Each structure stands twice: as C-alpha cells, then as structure tokens.
Amino acid sequence: MGIATILTSIVVTELLSGEGRMATLPSQQRDALVGAILGARTTGMDLVLVLIGVGGTIFCLLLFTSRLLPRWLSAWGVVTYLSMLALGLLSLVWQDHPHSLEAIFYGPGALFELTIGGWLLTKGVDKEKWRALADARVGSADAS
C-alpha cells in the first residue's frame, strides 16, 4: 500500500507537468483529477498508518516480552505504534483534523525511531538472552 501511495504522487506530478497526453486535458478536468487522486492518496496513507500501527505494536510487544532490548525502549515502541494506529484511524474518520495533532502523534514516534536505530547500531540486542532463547527453541524441537 505504501508503494501505491508513492506511485500516486508520481501520477500527480505527471498530471501537473501538463506534458504528453496530459496536455490534452482541459485544466479544470486535470485539476479535478489531481484532487481526486490526492484524496485517494491521503486515504491510502491513513490505511498505511493503521497497518504500520498494528504491525509495529505487535513487533514491539514481542520485543518487550523477549527482553532482547531494554523494556523501556520496547514499551516506548508500543506507545509509538499505538499512536500511529490512533492517528491513522482518526484521520480516516476525521479527515479535516487539526494538523497540530499530527505533530503530537508523530513527534514521539520520530524520536523513538531514531533512538531504537541508534541503540541497535551501537549496542544491539542482549546476546545472552538471544542465545538462551535460541537454545530453548532447539531443546524444544529436539524433545518433539
């Protein structure tokens, strides 16, 4: 879905360039078409936010329960992705919401993504916990 929303941006750029086949459209029709495509793109991005919110929340919950990362970082991820899910749902039902809400919902998320990226690059996951989880899986597979 994310790729489709990006492709709609490319289509809008083509339409607005007024070159090639697009030059044959009267400007009012072109403007109406661009508006319709941008509306669909916005809805698509809201749906992407919902899907990212669900997937990211589950992923961070798994990190939280596995303790491969500090629990505070995993919990922050859960809050971040729940806020993305909430923003996506809010945007789907209230399309004319104040844009300040986006800054409120996106701000902590952007900071989380930078923090977890830096953490994984510099410290990584808890290797001892990783080995213990891997050994437990191998042991349970051998027992069955």
C-alpha atoms as a PDB file:
ATOM      1  CA  MET A   1       0.000   0.000   0.000  1.00  0.00           C
ATOM      2  CA  GLY A   2       2.855   2.341   0.723  1.00  0.00           C
ATOM      3  CA  ILE A   3       4.254   1.849  -2.756  1.00  0.00           C
ATOM      4  CA  ALA A   4       0.834   2.521  -4.272  1.00  0.00           C
ATOM      5  CA  THR A   5       0.590   5.835  -2.423  1.00  0.00           C
ATOM      6  CA  ILE A   6       4.045   6.800  -3.646  1.00  0.00           C
ATOM      7  CA  LEU A   7       3.052   5.916  -7.199  1.00  0.00           C
ATOM      8  CA  THR A   8       0.006   8.168  -6.927  1.00  0.00           C
ATOM      9  CA  SER A   9       2.364  11.047  -6.142  1.00  0.00           C
ATOM     10  CA  ILE A  10       4.235  10.297  -9.347  1.00  0.00           C
ATOM     11  CA  VAL A  11       0.957  10.264 -11.283  1.00  0.00           C
ATOM     12  CA  VAL A  12       0.028  13.649  -9.802  1.00  0.00           C
ATOM     13  CA  THR A  13       3.424  15.035 -10.816  1.00  0.00           C
ATOM     14  CA  GLU A  14       2.861  13.797 -14.356  1.00  0.00           C
ATOM     15  CA  LEU A  15      -0.608  15.326 -14.460  1.00  0.00           C
ATOM     16  CA  LEU A  16       0.623  18.674 -13.184  1.00  0.00           C
ATOM     17  CA  SER A  17       3.509  18.794 -15.653  1.00  0.00           C
ATOM     18  CA  GLY A  18       0.976  19.177 -18.459  1.00  0.00           C
ATOM     19  CA  GLU A  19       3.208  17.334 -20.899  1.00  0.00           C
ATOM     20  CA  GLY A  20       2.463  14.452 -23.247  1.00  0.00           C
ATOM     21  CA  ARG A  21      -1.062  13.075 -23.111  1.00  0.00           C
ATOM     22  CA  MET A  22      -1.849  15.202 -20.086  1.00  0.00           C
ATOM     23  CA  ALA A  23      -1.598  18.335 -22.227  1.00  0.00           C
ATOM     24  CA  THR A  24      -4.816  17.324 -23.997  1.00  0.00           C
ATOM     25  CA  LEU A  25      -6.890  17.570 -20.812  1.00  0.00           C
ATOM     26  CA  PRO A  26      -8.574  20.888 -20.097  1.00  0.00           C
ATOM     27  CA  SER A  27      -7.150  22.457 -16.931  1.00  0.00           C
ATOM     28  CA  GLN A  28     -10.428  22.111 -14.978  1.00  0.00           C
ATOM     29  CA  GLN A  29     -10.579  18.387 -15.697  1.00  0.00           C
ATOM     30  CA  ARG A  30      -6.903  17.980 -14.839  1.00  0.00           C
ATOM     31  CA  ASP A  31      -7.375  19.860 -11.551  1.00  0.00           C
ATOM     32  CA  ALA A  32     -10.393  17.712 -10.656  1.00  0.00           C
ATOM     33  CA  LEU A  33      -8.466  14.544 -11.470  1.00  0.00           C
ATOM     34  CA  VAL A  34      -5.480  15.677  -9.398  1.00  0.00           C
ATOM     35  CA  GLY A  35      -7.791  16.462  -6.467  1.00  0.00           C
ATOM     36  CA  ALA A  36      -9.416  13.039  -6.661  1.00  0.00           C
ATOM     37  CA  ILE A  37      -6.062  11.264  -6.846  1.00  0.00           C
ATOM     38  CA  LEU A  38      -4.648  13.260  -3.927  1.00  0.00           C
ATOM     39  CA  GLY A  39      -7.746  12.380  -1.878  1.00  0.00           C
ATOM     40  CA  ALA A  40      -7.204   8.692  -2.610  1.00  0.00           C
ATOM     41  CA  ARG A  41      -3.507   9.055  -1.771  1.00  0.00           C
ATOM     42  CA  THR A  42      -4.341  10.628   1.598  1.00  0.00           C
ATOM     43  CA  THR A  43      -6.737   7.813   2.437  1.00  0.00           C
ATOM     44  CA  GLY A  44      -4.102   5.297   1.334  1.00  0.00           C
ATOM     45  CA  MET A  45      -1.532   6.860   3.650  1.00  0.00           C
ATOM     46  CA  ASP A  46      -4.020   6.711   6.518  1.00  0.00           C
ATOM     47  CA  LEU A  47      -4.538   2.997   5.845  1.00  0.00           C
ATOM     48  CA  VAL A  48      -0.761   2.506   5.744  1.00  0.00           C
ATOM     49  CA  LEU A  49      -0.551   4.181   9.169  1.00  0.00           C
ATOM     50  CA  VAL A  50      -3.154   1.767  10.525  1.00  0.00           C
ATOM     51  CA  LEU A  51      -1.266  -1.252   9.173  1.00  0.00           C
ATOM     52  CA  ILE A  52       2.094   0.040  10.427  1.00  0.00           C
ATOM     53  CA  GLY A  53       0.478   0.772  13.785  1.00  0.00           C
ATOM     54  CA  VAL A  54      -0.834  -2.776  14.145  1.00  0.00           C
ATOM     55  CA  GLY A  55       2.359  -4.460  12.922  1.00  0.00           C
ATOM     56  CA  GLY A  56       4.710  -2.208  14.869  1.00  0.00           C
ATOM     57  CA  THR A  57       2.728  -2.635  18.072  1.00  0.00           C
ATOM     58  CA  ILE A  58       2.858  -6.425  17.795  1.00  0.00           C
ATOM     59  CA  PHE A  59       6.585  -6.336  16.987  1.00  0.00           C
ATOM     60  CA  CYS A  60       7.392  -4.091  19.949  1.00  0.00           C
ATOM     61  CA  LEU A  61       5.232  -6.238  22.253  1.00  0.00           C
ATOM     62  CA  LEU A  62       7.303  -9.237  21.163  1.00  0.00           C
ATOM     63  CA  LEU A  63      10.493  -7.290  21.879  1.00  0.00           C
ATOM     64  CA  PHE A  64       9.054  -6.335  25.266  1.00  0.00           C
ATOM     65  CA  THR A  65       8.237  -9.919  26.259  1.00  0.00           C
ATOM     66  CA  SER A  66      11.503 -11.338  24.885  1.00  0.00           C
ATOM     67  CA  ARG A  67      13.611  -8.766  26.755  1.00  0.00           C
ATOM     68  CA  LEU A  68      16.082  -8.654  23.853  1.00  0.00           C
ATOM     69  CA  LEU A  69      16.025  -4.872  24.199  1.00  0.00           C
ATOM     70  CA  PRO A  70      15.553  -2.809  27.339  1.00  0.00           C
ATOM     71  CA  ARG A  71      11.915  -2.909  28.346  1.00  0.00           C
ATOM     72  CA  TRP A  72      11.646   0.895  28.430  1.00  0.00           C
ATOM     73  CA  LEU A  73      12.657   1.030  24.768  1.00  0.00           C
ATOM     74  CA  SER A  74      10.213  -1.702  23.740  1.00  0.00           C
ATOM     75  CA  ALA A  75       7.417  -0.075  25.761  1.00  0.00           C
ATOM     76  CA  TRP A  76       8.156   3.255  24.080  1.00  0.00           C
ATOM     77  CA  GLY A  77       7.785   1.436  20.758  1.00  0.00           C
ATOM     78  CA  VAL A  78       4.403   0.065  21.779  1.00  0.00           C
ATOM     79  CA  VAL A  79       3.217   3.572  22.673  1.00  0.00           C
ATOM     80  CA  THR A  80       4.668   4.945  19.427  1.00  0.00           C
ATOM     81  CA  TYR A  81       2.946   2.446  17.181  1.00  0.00           C
ATOM     82  CA  LEU A  82      -0.330   2.649  19.098  1.00  0.00           C
ATOM     83  CA  SER A  83      -0.234   6.413  18.490  1.00  0.00           C
ATOM     84  CA  MET A  84       0.347   5.795  14.766  1.00  0.00           C
ATOM     85  CA  LEU A  85      -2.617   3.426  14.751  1.00  0.00           C
ATOM     86  CA  ALA A  86      -4.738   6.035  16.556  1.00  0.00           C
ATOM     87  CA  LEU A  87      -3.663   8.772  14.127  1.00  0.00           C
ATOM     88  CA  GLY A  88      -4.472   6.577  11.134  1.00  0.00           C
ATOM     89  CA  LEU A  89      -7.919   5.724  12.467  1.00  0.00           C
ATOM     90  CA  LEU A  90      -8.551   9.329  13.482  1.00  0.00           C
ATOM     91  CA  SER A  91      -7.564  10.552  10.027  1.00  0.00           C
ATOM     92  CA  LEU A  92      -9.887   8.055   8.360  1.00  0.00           C
ATOM     93  CA  VAL A  93     -12.918   9.226  10.338  1.00  0.00           C
ATOM     94  CA  TRP A  94     -11.988  12.928  10.734  1.00  0.00           C
ATOM     95  CA  GLN A  95     -10.175  13.986   7.602  1.00  0.00           C
ATOM     96  CA  ASP A  96     -10.190  17.701   8.457  1.00  0.00           C
ATOM     97  CA  HIS A  97      -8.492  17.237  11.843  1.00  0.00           C
ATOM     98  CA  PRO A  98      -6.066  19.947  13.003  1.00  0.00           C
ATOM     99  CA  HIS A  99      -2.596  19.310  11.617  1.00  0.00           C
ATOM    100  CA  SER A 100      -1.133  20.014  15.055  1.00  0.00           C
ATOM    101  CA  LEU A 101      -2.430  16.557  16.033  1.00  0.00           C
ATOM    102  CA  GLU A 102      -0.037  15.024  13.515  1.00  0.00           C
ATOM    103  CA  ALA A 103       2.924  16.718  15.187  1.00  0.00           C
ATOM    104  CA  ILE A 104       1.733  15.445  18.562  1.00  0.00           C
ATOM    105  CA  PHE A 105       1.383  11.869  17.289  1.00  0.00           C
ATOM    106  CA  TYR A 106       4.447  11.826  15.010  1.00  0.00           C
ATOM    107  CA  GLY A 107       6.918  13.623  17.305  1.00  0.00           C
ATOM    108  CA  PRO A 108       7.485  10.855  19.861  1.00  0.00           C
ATOM    109  CA  GLY A 109       7.446   8.291  17.038  1.00  0.00           C
ATOM    110  CA  ALA A 110      10.213  10.004  15.108  1.00  0.00           C
ATOM    111  CA  LEU A 111      12.293  10.270  18.265  1.00  0.00           C
ATOM    112  CA  PHE A 112      11.665   6.584  19.021  1.00  0.00           C
ATOM    113  CA  GLU A 113      12.747   5.504  15.536  1.00  0.00           C
ATOM    114  CA  LEU A 114      15.988   7.479  15.841  1.00  0.00           C
ATOM    115  CA  THR A 115      16.592   6.123  19.346  1.00  0.00           C
ATOM    116  CA  ILE A 116      15.982   2.455  18.535  1.00  0.00           C
ATOM    117  CA  GLY A 117      18.041   2.751  15.355  1.00  0.00           C
ATOM    118  CA  GLY A 118      20.931   4.232  17.302  1.00  0.00           C
ATOM    119  CA  TRP A 119      20.547   1.619  20.033  1.00  0.00           C
ATOM    120  CA  LEU A 120      20.631  -1.282  17.561  1.00  0.00           C
ATOM    121  CA  LEU A 121      23.644   0.180  15.743  1.00  0.00           C
ATOM    122  CA  THR A 122      25.650   0.799  18.894  1.00  0.00           C
ATOM    123  CA  LYS A 123      24.507  -1.801  21.444  1.00  0.00           C
ATOM    124  CA  GLY A 124      22.409  -4.326  19.541  1.00  0.00           C
ATOM    125  CA  VAL A 125      20.241  -6.891  21.276  1.00  0.00           C
ATOM    126  CA  ASP A 126      21.022  -8.735  24.504  1.00  0.00           C
ATOM    127  CA  LYS A 127      23.205 -11.548  23.118  1.00  0.00           C
ATOM    128  CA  GLU A 128      22.960 -13.726  26.200  1.00  0.00           C
ATOM    129  CA  LYS A 129      19.171 -13.548  26.098  1.00  0.00           C
ATOM    130  CA  TRP A 130      19.278 -14.263  22.333  1.00  0.00           C
ATOM    131  CA  ARG A 131      21.380 -17.396  22.892  1.00  0.00           C
ATOM    132  CA  ALA A 132      19.143 -18.553  25.730  1.00  0.00           C
ATOM    133  CA  LEU A 133      16.039 -18.161  23.567  1.00  0.00           C
ATOM    134  CA  ALA A 134      17.736 -19.970  20.664  1.00  0.00           C
ATOM    135  CA  ASP A 135      18.880 -22.826  22.909  1.00  0.00           C
ATOM    136  CA  ALA A 136      15.375 -23.151  24.353  1.00  0.00           C
ATOM    137  CA  ARG A 137      13.927 -23.442  20.851  1.00  0.00           C
ATOM    138  CA  VAL A 138      16.460 -26.058  19.813  1.00  0.00           C
ATOM    139  CA  GLY A 139      15.785 -28.003  23.017  1.00  0.00           C
ATOM    140  CA  SER A 140      12.037 -27.955  22.468  1.00  0.00           C
ATOM    141  CA  ALA A 141      12.461 -29.037  18.840  1.00  0.00           C
ATOM    142  CA  ASP A 142      14.697 -31.965  19.895  1.00  0.00           C
ATOM    143  CA  ALA A 143      12.165 -33.066  22.521  1.00  0.00           C
ATOM    144  CA  SER A 144       9.365 -33.320  19.976  1.00  0.00           C
END
